[in-house]
Amino acid sequence: MTTGGLTLTAVQAAFALALLYGGGELLVRGASALALRLGVSPLAVGLTVVAFGTSLPELVVSLDAALSGANDISTGNVVGSNIANIALILGLAALLRPIAVESKVVRLDVPISIGVSLVLVGVLANGEASSLEGALLVIGLAGYTGFTFWESRRETRSVRDELAAATPAPLGGVAIHVVQVSGGLVALVAGGHLLVVAAVALAGSLGLSEAAIGLTVVAVGTSLPELATTVVASLRGRGDIAVGNVVGSN
């Protein structure tokens, strides 16, 4: 690939990341507002829509890569994002301001995160992840989400207020929220596809493996929503949101 072609691919990747970031923001704001208007509690919205929203870029990119046959980018994105979440995002947040967290995060959520990572090692030990293993992982996520809801009822008032405060307040009418959700989905899908195409092209032109690109460029890029959320939470003194966002995303 020529220098001009490489530059064009880099610009395409940057544009794709912008679409992913903007699409995720739109979708989270629209879905959060719709849920609040339907009577869902701010705490529940924070634990679901907002929490899952920051992981949407990773989800979209990994799904698109898997469907396109770029399996190394799909897996590398997941693993690399987890590394970036802890080493880059949590590290940067702690550098900006010391983070204080509830003991439950260290006692329960962090061990679960480590356990899931070990499960991934077992799943990929034979070189592939089967449909059955994927289904079991999704079921495990559903169980963890349900348990989080149940456990949240025993949280201290300050933590509950902190989680509720992290939920975007609904602005505008229902039609606007529907447009936000729709626009966010379109931007996410388009951005995810563009990023996968650019990543494959970059890997070929730079002589790197798709796994290497997935573990680095794609992983850090798709972790931008977690970076923004965690850094803002840290600067505002919301340690549980900062750490919980990283652990929950992993």
Protein backbone atom coordinates (compact mmCIF):
# COMPACT_ATOMS: atom_id res chain seq x y z
CA MET A 1 0.00 0.00 0.00
CA THR A 2 1.31 3.48 -0.91
CA THR A 3 1.83 6.26 1.64
CA GLY A 4 -1.31 7.95 0.32
CA GLY A 5 -3.29 4.73 0.66
CA LEU A 6 -2.02 4.23 4.20
CA THR A 7 -3.00 7.78 5.13
CA LEU A 8 -6.46 7.26 3.66
CA THR A 9 -6.87 4.06 5.66
CA ALA A 10 -5.80 5.84 8.85
CA VAL A 11 -8.32 8.61 8.18
CA GLN A 12 -11.00 5.96 7.58
CA ALA A 13 -10.15 4.33 10.91
CA ALA A 14 -10.33 7.68 12.71
CA PHE A 15 -13.71 8.43 11.11
CA ALA A 16 -14.94 4.96 12.09
CA LEU A 17 -13.90 5.54 15.71
CA ALA A 18 -15.73 8.88 15.70
CA LEU A 19 -18.87 7.13 14.43
CA LEU A 20 -18.54 4.46 17.13
CA TYR A 21 -18.09 7.01 19.90
CA GLY A 22 -20.88 9.28 18.71
CA GLY A 23 -23.21 6.37 17.99
CA GLY A 24 -22.68 4.92 21.44
CA GLU A 25 -23.36 8.28 23.08
CA LEU A 26 -26.54 8.82 21.08
CA LEU A 27 -27.84 5.33 21.77
CA VAL A 28 -27.16 5.51 25.50
CA ARG A 29 -28.80 8.93 25.86
CA GLY A 30 -31.83 7.99 23.79
CA ALA A 31 -32.34 4.58 25.40
CA SER A 32 -31.80 5.98 28.90
CA ALA A 33 -34.36 8.74 28.32
CA LEU A 34 -36.93 6.30 26.90
CA ALA A 35 -36.43 3.92 29.84
CA LEU A 36 -36.83 6.73 32.38
CA ARG A 37 -40.02 7.93 30.67
CA LEU A 38 -41.36 4.37 30.84
CA GLY A 39 -40.90 4.41 34.61
CA VAL A 40 -37.66 2.44 34.91
CA SER A 41 -35.65 3.64 37.92
CA PRO A 42 -32.47 5.68 37.32
CA LEU A 43 -30.49 3.03 39.22
CA ALA A 44 -31.75 0.25 36.93
CA VAL A 45 -30.96 2.35 33.85
CA GLY A 46 -27.46 3.02 35.16
CA LEU A 47 -26.84 -0.67 35.79
CA THR A 48 -28.03 -1.74 32.34
CA VAL A 49 -28.31 0.84 29.53
CA VAL A 50 -25.40 3.02 30.66
CA ALA A 51 -23.22 0.11 31.75
CA PHE A 52 -23.69 -1.88 28.55
CA GLY A 53 -23.62 1.25 26.41
CA THR A 54 -19.90 1.87 26.90
CA SER A 55 -19.19 -1.64 25.57
CA LEU A 56 -21.29 -1.26 22.40
CA PRO A 57 -18.29 -0.33 20.18
CA GLU A 58 -16.46 -3.52 21.20
CA LEU A 59 -19.62 -5.56 20.64
CA VAL A 60 -20.33 -4.12 17.19
CA VAL A 61 -16.73 -4.34 15.98
CA SER A 62 -16.23 -7.90 17.26
CA LEU A 63 -19.53 -9.06 15.72
CA ASP A 64 -18.73 -7.44 12.37
CA ALA A 65 -15.21 -8.88 12.39
CA ALA A 66 -16.50 -12.37 13.20
CA LEU A 67 -19.15 -12.20 10.46
CA SER A 68 -16.49 -10.92 8.02
CA GLY A 69 -14.15 -13.80 8.83
CA ALA A 70 -11.61 -11.56 10.60
CA ASN A 71 -11.64 -13.75 13.70
CA ASP A 72 -8.29 -12.55 15.04
CA ILE A 73 -9.54 -8.95 15.08
CA SER A 74 -12.72 -10.07 16.82
CA THR A 75 -10.90 -11.91 19.60
CA GLY A 76 -8.01 -9.44 19.78
CA ASN A 77 -10.46 -6.58 20.25
CA VAL A 78 -12.06 -8.27 23.25
CA VAL A 79 -8.80 -9.20 24.95
CA GLY A 80 -7.03 -5.95 24.05
CA SER A 81 -9.95 -3.84 25.31
CA ASN A 82 -9.81 -5.56 28.68
CA ILE A 83 -6.09 -4.83 28.91
CA ALA A 84 -6.64 -1.20 27.87
CA ASN A 85 -9.49 -0.79 30.37
CA ILE A 86 -7.28 -1.74 33.30
CA ALA A 87 -3.79 -0.59 32.30
CA LEU A 88 -4.67 2.57 30.37
CA ILE A 89 -8.09 3.77 31.50
CA LEU A 90 -8.07 2.89 35.19
CA GLY A 91 -4.38 3.81 35.41
CA LEU A 92 -5.00 7.23 33.86
CA ALA A 93 -8.03 7.85 36.07
CA ALA A 94 -6.01 7.02 39.20
CA LEU A 95 -3.19 9.32 38.03
CA LEU A 96 -5.63 12.20 37.74
CA ARG A 97 -7.17 11.60 41.15
CA PRO A 98 -6.90 8.83 43.78
CA ILE A 99 -9.91 6.51 43.49
CA ALA A 100 -11.87 5.33 46.54
CA VAL A 101 -14.26 2.41 46.02
CA GLU A 102 -16.71 0.36 48.06
CA SER A 103 -15.27 -2.89 49.42
CA LYS A 104 -17.89 -4.89 47.47
CA VAL A 105 -16.19 -4.08 44.19
CA VAL A 106 -12.92 -5.60 45.41
CA ARG A 107 -14.59 -8.43 47.30
CA LEU A 108 -17.04 -9.55 44.61
CA ASP A 109 -16.88 -7.86 41.21
CA VAL A 110 -13.11 -8.00 40.66
CA PRO A 111 -12.91 -11.76 41.44
CA ILE A 112 -15.82 -12.34 39.02
CA SER A 113 -13.97 -10.35 36.35
CA ILE A 114 -10.84 -12.45 36.92
CA GLY A 115 -12.94 -15.63 36.85
CA VAL A 116 -14.52 -14.70 33.51
CA SER A 117 -11.05 -14.03 32.07
CA LEU A 118 -9.97 -17.52 33.16
CA VAL A 119 -13.10 -18.95 31.54
CA LEU A 120 -12.05 -17.24 28.30
CA VAL A 121 -8.67 -18.98 28.51
CA GLY A 122 -10.46 -22.31 28.83
CA VAL A 123 -12.87 -21.51 25.98
CA LEU A 124 -10.04 -20.61 23.59
CA ALA A 125 -7.70 -23.41 24.70
CA ASN A 126 -8.62 -25.49 21.64
CA GLY A 127 -8.21 -22.53 19.28
CA GLU A 128 -11.87 -21.63 18.79
CA ALA A 129 -15.05 -20.60 20.58
CA SER A 130 -18.08 -22.71 19.67
CA SER A 131 -21.70 -21.57 19.44
CA LEU A 132 -22.51 -23.56 22.58
CA GLU A 133 -19.72 -21.88 24.53
CA GLY A 134 -20.93 -18.50 23.27
CA ALA A 135 -24.47 -19.27 24.42
CA LEU A 136 -23.22 -20.30 27.86
CA LEU A 137 -21.22 -17.07 28.16
CA VAL A 138 -24.28 -14.97 27.28
CA ILE A 139 -26.37 -16.90 29.83
CA GLY A 140 -23.68 -16.22 32.40
CA LEU A 141 -23.85 -12.50 31.61
CA ALA A 142 -27.63 -12.52 32.05
CA GLY A 143 -27.19 -14.21 35.42
CA TYR A 144 -24.57 -11.69 36.50
CA THR A 145 -26.81 -8.78 35.46
CA GLY A 146 -29.74 -10.21 37.43
CA PHE A 147 -27.51 -10.74 40.45
CA THR A 148 -26.26 -7.13 40.16
CA PHE A 149 -29.85 -5.88 40.29
CA TRP A 150 -30.57 -8.00 43.36
CA GLU A 151 -27.35 -6.93 45.06
CA SER A 152 -27.95 -3.24 44.28
CA ARG A 153 -30.91 -3.21 46.69
CA ARG A 154 -28.43 -3.66 49.55
CA GLU A 155 -26.10 -0.86 48.44
CA THR A 156 -25.59 2.19 50.65
CA ARG A 157 -27.66 5.26 49.84
CA SER A 158 -24.57 7.15 48.65
CA VAL A 159 -23.71 4.46 46.10
CA ARG A 160 -27.30 4.28 44.86
CA ASP A 161 -27.35 8.09 44.44
CA GLU A 162 -23.99 7.92 42.66
CA LEU A 163 -25.25 5.36 40.15
CA ALA A 164 -28.45 7.30 39.57
CA ALA A 165 -26.52 10.55 39.04
CA ALA A 166 -24.48 8.89 36.29
CA THR A 167 -27.64 8.30 34.25
CA PRO A 168 -28.23 10.99 31.59
CA ALA A 169 -31.34 13.07 32.31
CA PRO A 170 -34.06 12.90 29.61
CA LEU A 171 -34.12 16.00 27.42
CA GLY A 172 -36.72 16.62 24.70
CA GLY A 173 -39.69 14.55 23.60
CA VAL A 174 -40.11 10.87 22.85
CA ALA A 175 -39.63 11.41 19.10
CA ILE A 176 -36.19 12.90 19.75
CA HIS A 177 -35.19 9.90 21.87
CA VAL A 178 -36.33 7.48 19.14
CA VAL A 179 -34.24 9.41 16.60
CA GLN A 180 -31.26 9.27 18.98
CA VAL A 181 -31.56 5.50 19.35
CA SER A 182 -32.01 4.97 15.61
CA GLY A 183 -29.17 7.31 14.70
CA GLY A 184 -26.93 5.75 17.31
CA LEU A 185 -27.54 2.25 15.96
CA VAL A 186 -26.83 3.33 12.37
CA ALA A 187 -23.61 5.10 13.42
CA LEU A 188 -22.46 2.10 15.46
CA VAL A 189 -23.04 -0.40 12.67
CA ALA A 190 -21.44 1.83 10.03
CA GLY A 191 -18.51 2.72 12.27
CA GLY A 192 -17.94 -0.90 13.26
CA HIS A 193 -17.84 -2.07 9.66
CA LEU A 194 -15.56 0.76 8.56
CA LEU A 195 -13.15 0.08 11.43
CA VAL A 196 -12.92 -3.63 10.62
CA VAL A 197 -12.23 -2.88 6.93
CA ALA A 198 -9.59 -0.31 7.89
CA ALA A 199 -8.00 -2.63 10.45
CA VAL A 200 -7.66 -5.46 7.93
CA ALA A 201 -6.11 -3.04 5.43
CA LEU A 202 -3.70 -1.63 8.04
CA ALA A 203 -2.61 -5.11 9.08
CA GLY A 204 -1.81 -6.00 5.48
CA SER A 205 0.00 -2.77 4.66
CA LEU A 206 2.10 -2.70 7.83
CA GLY A 207 2.96 -6.38 7.69
CA LEU A 208 1.28 -7.05 11.03
CA SER A 209 -1.12 -9.81 11.95
CA GLU A 210 -4.82 -9.05 12.33
CA ALA A 211 -4.51 -10.19 15.96
CA ALA A 212 -1.86 -7.52 16.62
CA ILE A 213 -4.04 -4.78 15.10
CA GLY A 214 -7.05 -6.04 17.07
CA LEU A 215 -5.10 -6.08 20.33
CA THR A 216 -3.79 -2.54 19.88
CA VAL A 217 -5.38 -0.04 17.47
CA VAL A 218 -8.88 -1.54 17.46
CA ALA A 219 -8.91 -2.37 21.18
CA VAL A 220 -7.81 1.08 22.34
CA GLY A 221 -10.12 2.78 19.84
CA THR A 222 -13.22 0.88 20.92
CA SER A 223 -12.36 1.59 24.57
CA LEU A 224 -12.78 5.36 24.09
CA PRO A 225 -16.28 5.42 25.69
CA GLU A 226 -14.92 3.68 28.80
CA LEU A 227 -12.02 6.14 28.85
CA ALA A 228 -14.32 9.17 28.73
CA THR A 229 -16.76 7.80 31.32
CA THR A 230 -14.08 6.64 33.75
CA VAL A 231 -11.97 9.80 33.60
CA VAL A 232 -15.01 12.08 34.11
CA ALA A 233 -16.22 9.92 37.00
CA SER A 234 -12.78 10.03 38.60
CA LEU A 235 -12.50 13.81 38.29
CA ARG A 236 -15.94 14.17 39.91
CA GLY A 237 -14.93 11.93 42.81
CA ARG A 238 -17.24 9.07 41.81
CA GLY A 239 -14.83 6.24 42.43
CA ASP A 240 -17.43 3.47 42.31
CA ILE A 241 -18.58 4.58 38.87
CA ALA A 242 -14.98 4.82 37.60
CA VAL A 243 -13.93 1.37 38.80
CA GLY A 244 -17.34 -0.25 38.24
CA ASN A 245 -17.33 0.92 34.61
CA VAL A 246 -13.96 -0.75 33.98
CA VAL A 247 -14.77 -3.98 35.84
CA GLY A 248 -18.27 -4.23 34.40
CA SER A 249 -17.07 -3.56 30.87
CA ASN A 250 -14.49 -6.34 31.18
